[in-house]
């Protein structure tokens, strides 16, 4: 029978390490969501993306989540993406 746990734990993804850290600390996405005043699903989505808003990143750090387990803080501009100007044929 083959285990789903990697033999070398250094090859775990950031998300897997976050889940293990949360389990060891007894922290749930529901508990984090209460502190951030969002839904548990929103916290899970934030933590599984490659970037997250800087204010949410700072809030999670304030709650004790290690920086290496969080996505990169990045404030992306909201709204429609700017159009690319196409060159006009002469």
N, C-alpha and C. Protein backbone atom coordinates (compact mmCIF):
# COMPACT_ATOMS: atom_id res chain seq x y z
N UNK A 1 0.83 -1.18 0.00
CA UNK A 1 0.00 0.00 0.00
C UNK A 1 0.88 1.24 0.00
N UNK A 2 0.60 2.15 -0.91
CA UNK A 2 1.41 3.34 -1.05
C UNK A 2 0.76 4.51 -0.32
N UNK A 3 1.56 5.24 0.45
CA UNK A 3 1.07 6.39 1.21
C UNK A 3 1.06 7.63 0.35
N UNK A 4 0.10 8.55 0.61
CA UNK A 4 0.06 9.79 -0.14
C UNK A 4 0.99 10.84 0.45
N UNK A 5 1.63 10.52 1.59
CA UNK A 5 2.56 11.45 2.22
C UNK A 5 3.94 11.26 1.58
N UNK A 6 4.53 12.36 1.07
CA UNK A 6 5.86 12.23 0.46
C UNK A 6 6.88 11.75 1.49
N UNK A 7 7.86 10.98 1.04
CA UNK A 7 8.89 10.48 1.96
C UNK A 7 9.80 11.61 2.40
N UNK A 8 10.03 12.61 1.54
CA UNK A 8 10.85 13.75 1.89
C UNK A 8 9.92 14.95 2.07
N UNK A 9 9.72 15.38 3.31
CA UNK A 9 8.76 16.42 3.60
C UNK A 9 9.20 17.80 3.11
N UNK A 10 10.46 17.95 2.69
CA UNK A 10 10.90 19.25 2.17
C UNK A 10 10.32 19.53 0.79
N UNK A 11 9.75 18.51 0.16
CA UNK A 11 9.17 18.68 -1.17
C UNK A 11 7.68 19.01 -1.12
N UNK A 12 7.17 19.32 0.07
CA UNK A 12 5.76 19.68 0.18
C UNK A 12 5.55 21.09 -0.39
N UNK A 13 4.38 21.30 -0.95
CA UNK A 13 4.05 22.64 -1.45
C UNK A 13 3.81 23.59 -0.28
N UNK A 14 3.81 24.87 -0.56
CA UNK A 14 3.53 25.87 0.47
C UNK A 14 2.16 25.63 1.08
N UNK A 15 1.17 25.30 0.24
CA UNK A 15 -0.18 25.05 0.72
C UNK A 15 -0.23 23.84 1.65
N UNK A 16 0.51 22.79 1.31
CA UNK A 16 0.55 21.59 2.15
C UNK A 16 1.20 21.90 3.49
N UNK A 17 2.29 22.68 3.45
CA UNK A 17 2.95 23.06 4.70
C UNK A 17 2.05 23.94 5.55
N UNK A 18 1.26 24.82 4.91
CA UNK A 18 0.31 25.66 5.65
C UNK A 18 -0.72 24.80 6.35
N UNK A 19 -1.27 23.82 5.65
CA UNK A 19 -2.28 22.93 6.25
C UNK A 19 -1.70 22.16 7.45
N UNK A 20 -0.48 21.67 7.30
CA UNK A 20 0.16 20.94 8.40
C UNK A 20 0.37 21.88 9.58
N UNK A 21 0.84 23.11 9.34
CA UNK A 21 1.04 24.08 10.41
C UNK A 21 -0.28 24.37 11.12
N UNK A 22 -1.34 24.57 10.34
CA UNK A 22 -2.65 24.86 10.92
C UNK A 22 -3.14 23.69 11.79
N UNK A 23 -2.96 22.47 11.29
CA UNK A 23 -3.38 21.29 12.05
C UNK A 23 -2.62 21.20 13.37
N UNK A 24 -1.31 21.42 13.32
CA UNK A 24 -0.49 21.33 14.53
C UNK A 24 -0.86 22.41 15.54
N UNK A 25 -1.25 23.57 15.06
CA UNK A 25 -1.63 24.68 15.95
C UNK A 25 -3.11 24.64 16.34
N UNK A 26 -3.87 23.76 15.70
CA UNK A 26 -5.30 23.67 15.99
C UNK A 26 -6.08 24.85 15.43
N UNK A 27 -5.59 25.40 14.33
CA UNK A 27 -6.22 26.56 13.70
C UNK A 27 -6.99 26.09 12.47
N UNK A 28 -8.18 26.64 12.28
CA UNK A 28 -8.99 26.30 11.11
C UNK A 28 -9.19 27.52 10.24
N UNK A 29 -9.59 27.30 9.00
CA UNK A 29 -9.92 28.42 8.11
C UNK A 29 -11.12 29.19 8.68
N UNK A 30 -12.00 28.50 9.39
CA UNK A 30 -13.15 29.15 10.02
C UNK A 30 -12.69 30.14 11.08
N UNK A 31 -11.72 29.74 11.90
CA UNK A 31 -11.20 30.63 12.95
C UNK A 31 -10.50 31.84 12.33
N UNK A 32 -9.71 31.62 11.30
CA UNK A 32 -9.04 32.73 10.62
C UNK A 32 -10.07 33.66 9.98
N UNK A 33 -11.10 33.07 9.40
CA UNK A 33 -12.15 33.86 8.74
C UNK A 33 -12.86 34.77 9.74
N UNK A 34 -13.12 34.25 10.94
CA UNK A 34 -13.77 35.08 11.98
C UNK A 34 -12.91 36.29 12.31
N UNK A 35 -11.61 36.08 12.41
CA UNK A 35 -10.69 37.18 12.74
C UNK A 35 -10.61 38.21 11.60
N UNK A 36 -10.71 37.74 10.36
CA UNK A 36 -10.60 38.64 9.21
C UNK A 36 -11.96 39.19 8.76
N UNK A 37 -13.03 38.69 9.37
CA UNK A 37 -14.40 39.08 9.03
C UNK A 37 -14.73 38.77 7.56
N UNK A 38 -14.37 37.56 7.15
CA UNK A 38 -14.70 37.04 5.82
C UNK A 38 -15.18 35.60 5.99
N UNK A 39 -15.53 34.96 4.89
CA UNK A 39 -15.97 33.56 4.96
C UNK A 39 -14.76 32.62 4.99
N UNK A 40 -14.93 31.42 5.55
CA UNK A 40 -13.83 30.45 5.53
C UNK A 40 -13.37 30.13 4.11
N UNK A 41 -14.31 30.09 3.17
CA UNK A 41 -13.95 29.83 1.78
C UNK A 41 -13.05 30.93 1.23
N UNK A 42 -13.31 32.18 1.62
CA UNK A 42 -12.49 33.30 1.15
C UNK A 42 -11.05 33.18 1.67
N UNK A 43 -10.89 32.77 2.92
CA UNK A 43 -9.55 32.61 3.49
C UNK A 43 -8.82 31.47 2.77
N UNK A 44 -9.51 30.37 2.54
CA UNK A 44 -8.91 29.25 1.84
C UNK A 44 -8.45 29.65 0.44
N UNK A 45 -9.31 30.38 -0.27
CA UNK A 45 -8.94 30.84 -1.62
C UNK A 45 -7.72 31.75 -1.57
N UNK A 46 -7.71 32.70 -0.61
CA UNK A 46 -6.58 33.61 -0.48
C UNK A 46 -5.28 32.85 -0.25
N UNK A 47 -5.32 31.86 0.61
CA UNK A 47 -4.12 31.12 0.98
C UNK A 47 -3.64 30.17 -0.11
N UNK A 48 -4.50 29.85 -1.06
CA UNK A 48 -4.11 28.92 -2.12
C UNK A 48 -3.75 29.61 -3.43
N UNK A 49 -3.78 30.93 -3.45
CA UNK A 49 -3.37 31.67 -4.64
C UNK A 49 -1.88 31.95 -4.56
N UNK A 50 -1.32 32.48 -5.64
CA UNK A 50 0.11 32.81 -5.64
C UNK A 50 0.38 34.18 -5.03
N UNK A 51 -0.62 35.06 -5.03
CA UNK A 51 -0.50 36.37 -4.38
C UNK A 51 -1.76 36.63 -3.57
N UNK A 52 -1.65 37.59 -2.64
CA UNK A 52 -2.81 38.01 -1.86
C UNK A 52 -2.66 39.50 -1.55
N UNK A 53 -3.78 40.19 -1.31
CA UNK A 53 -3.70 41.61 -0.98
C UNK A 53 -2.82 41.85 0.26
N UNK A 54 -2.07 42.94 0.23
CA UNK A 54 -1.13 43.22 1.33
C UNK A 54 -1.84 43.36 2.67
N UNK A 55 -3.05 43.90 2.69
CA UNK A 55 -3.74 44.07 3.98
C UNK A 55 -4.13 42.72 4.57
N UNK A 56 -4.52 41.77 3.73
CA UNK A 56 -4.86 40.43 4.23
C UNK A 56 -3.59 39.70 4.67
N UNK A 57 -2.51 39.88 3.93
CA UNK A 57 -1.22 39.28 4.27
C UNK A 57 -0.78 39.78 5.65
N UNK A 58 -0.85 41.10 5.85
CA UNK A 58 -0.46 41.68 7.14
C UNK A 58 -1.36 41.18 8.27
N UNK A 59 -2.65 41.05 8.00
CA UNK A 59 -3.58 40.57 9.02
C UNK A 59 -3.26 39.13 9.42
N UNK A 60 -2.96 38.28 8.45
CA UNK A 60 -2.63 36.88 8.75
C UNK A 60 -1.30 36.78 9.51
N UNK A 61 -0.34 37.64 9.14
CA UNK A 61 0.91 37.67 9.89
C UNK A 61 0.64 38.07 11.34
N UNK A 62 -0.24 39.05 11.52
CA UNK A 62 -0.61 39.49 12.86
C UNK A 62 -1.28 38.40 13.68
N UNK A 63 -1.90 37.45 13.01
CA UNK A 63 -2.55 36.33 13.69
C UNK A 63 -1.57 35.19 13.97
N UNK A 64 -0.31 35.36 13.53
CA UNK A 64 0.72 34.37 13.83
C UNK A 64 1.05 33.40 12.72
N UNK A 65 0.46 33.58 11.54
CA UNK A 65 0.78 32.67 10.43
C UNK A 65 2.18 33.03 9.91
N UNK A 66 3.09 32.05 9.81
CA UNK A 66 4.45 32.34 9.34
C UNK A 66 4.46 32.87 7.90
N UNK A 67 5.33 33.84 7.64
CA UNK A 67 5.40 34.50 6.34
C UNK A 67 5.70 33.51 5.22
N UNK A 68 6.51 32.49 5.49
CA UNK A 68 6.89 31.54 4.43
C UNK A 68 5.73 30.63 4.02
N UNK A 69 4.64 30.64 4.78
CA UNK A 69 3.49 29.81 4.44
C UNK A 69 2.40 30.59 3.71
N UNK A 70 2.60 31.89 3.55
CA UNK A 70 1.59 32.73 2.90
C UNK A 70 2.00 33.07 1.47
N UNK A 71 1.00 33.36 0.62
CA UNK A 71 1.32 33.82 -0.73
C UNK A 71 2.04 35.17 -0.68
N UNK A 72 2.65 35.55 -1.76
CA UNK A 72 3.33 36.84 -1.87
C UNK A 72 2.33 37.98 -1.74
N UNK A 73 2.63 38.98 -0.89
CA UNK A 73 1.71 40.13 -0.80
C UNK A 73 1.83 41.00 -2.04
N UNK A 74 0.70 41.32 -2.64
CA UNK A 74 0.71 42.10 -3.88
C UNK A 74 -0.68 42.70 -4.07
N UNK A 75 -0.72 44.02 -4.22
CA UNK A 75 -1.99 44.68 -4.49
C UNK A 75 -2.14 44.84 -5.99
N UNK A 76 -3.03 44.05 -6.56
CA UNK A 76 -3.29 44.12 -8.00
C UNK A 76 -4.36 45.17 -8.25
N UNK A 77 -4.17 45.93 -9.29
CA UNK A 77 -5.13 46.95 -9.66
C UNK A 77 -6.43 46.28 -10.10
N UNK A 78 -7.56 46.78 -9.58
CA UNK A 78 -8.84 46.20 -9.95
C UNK A 78 -9.38 46.85 -11.20
N UNK A 79 -10.39 46.25 -11.78
CA UNK A 79 -11.02 46.82 -12.97
C UNK A 79 -10.52 46.18 -14.24
N UNK A 80 -11.00 46.70 -15.37
CA UNK A 80 -10.61 46.11 -16.65
C UNK A 80 -9.14 46.34 -16.96
N UNK A 81 -8.57 45.41 -17.64
CA UNK A 81 -7.17 45.52 -18.04
C UNK A 81 -7.06 46.54 -19.18
N UNK A 82 -5.97 47.30 -19.21
CA UNK A 82 -5.81 48.28 -20.29
C UNK A 82 -5.67 47.59 -21.64
N UNK A 83 -6.23 48.21 -22.65
CA UNK A 83 -6.13 47.64 -23.99
C UNK A 83 -4.75 47.89 -24.57
N UNK A 84 -4.31 46.93 -25.34
CA UNK A 84 -3.01 47.06 -26.00
C UNK A 84 -3.26 47.75 -27.33
N UNK A 85 -2.55 48.85 -27.56
CA UNK A 85 -2.68 49.58 -28.82
C UNK A 85 -2.02 48.77 -29.93
N UNK A 86 -2.78 48.54 -30.99
CA UNK A 86 -2.22 47.83 -32.14
C UNK A 86 -1.74 48.86 -33.14
N UNK A 87 -0.62 48.56 -33.75
CA UNK A 87 -0.06 49.52 -34.72
C UNK A 87 -0.94 49.60 -35.96
N UNK A 88 -1.11 50.80 -36.46
CA UNK A 88 -1.93 51.05 -37.64
C UNK A 88 -1.09 50.87 -38.90
N UNK A 89 -1.57 50.11 -39.88
CA UNK A 89 -0.81 49.95 -41.15
C UNK A 89 -0.79 51.28 -41.91
N UNK A 90 0.32 51.57 -42.53
CA UNK A 90 0.44 52.83 -43.29
C UNK A 90 0.09 52.68 -44.72
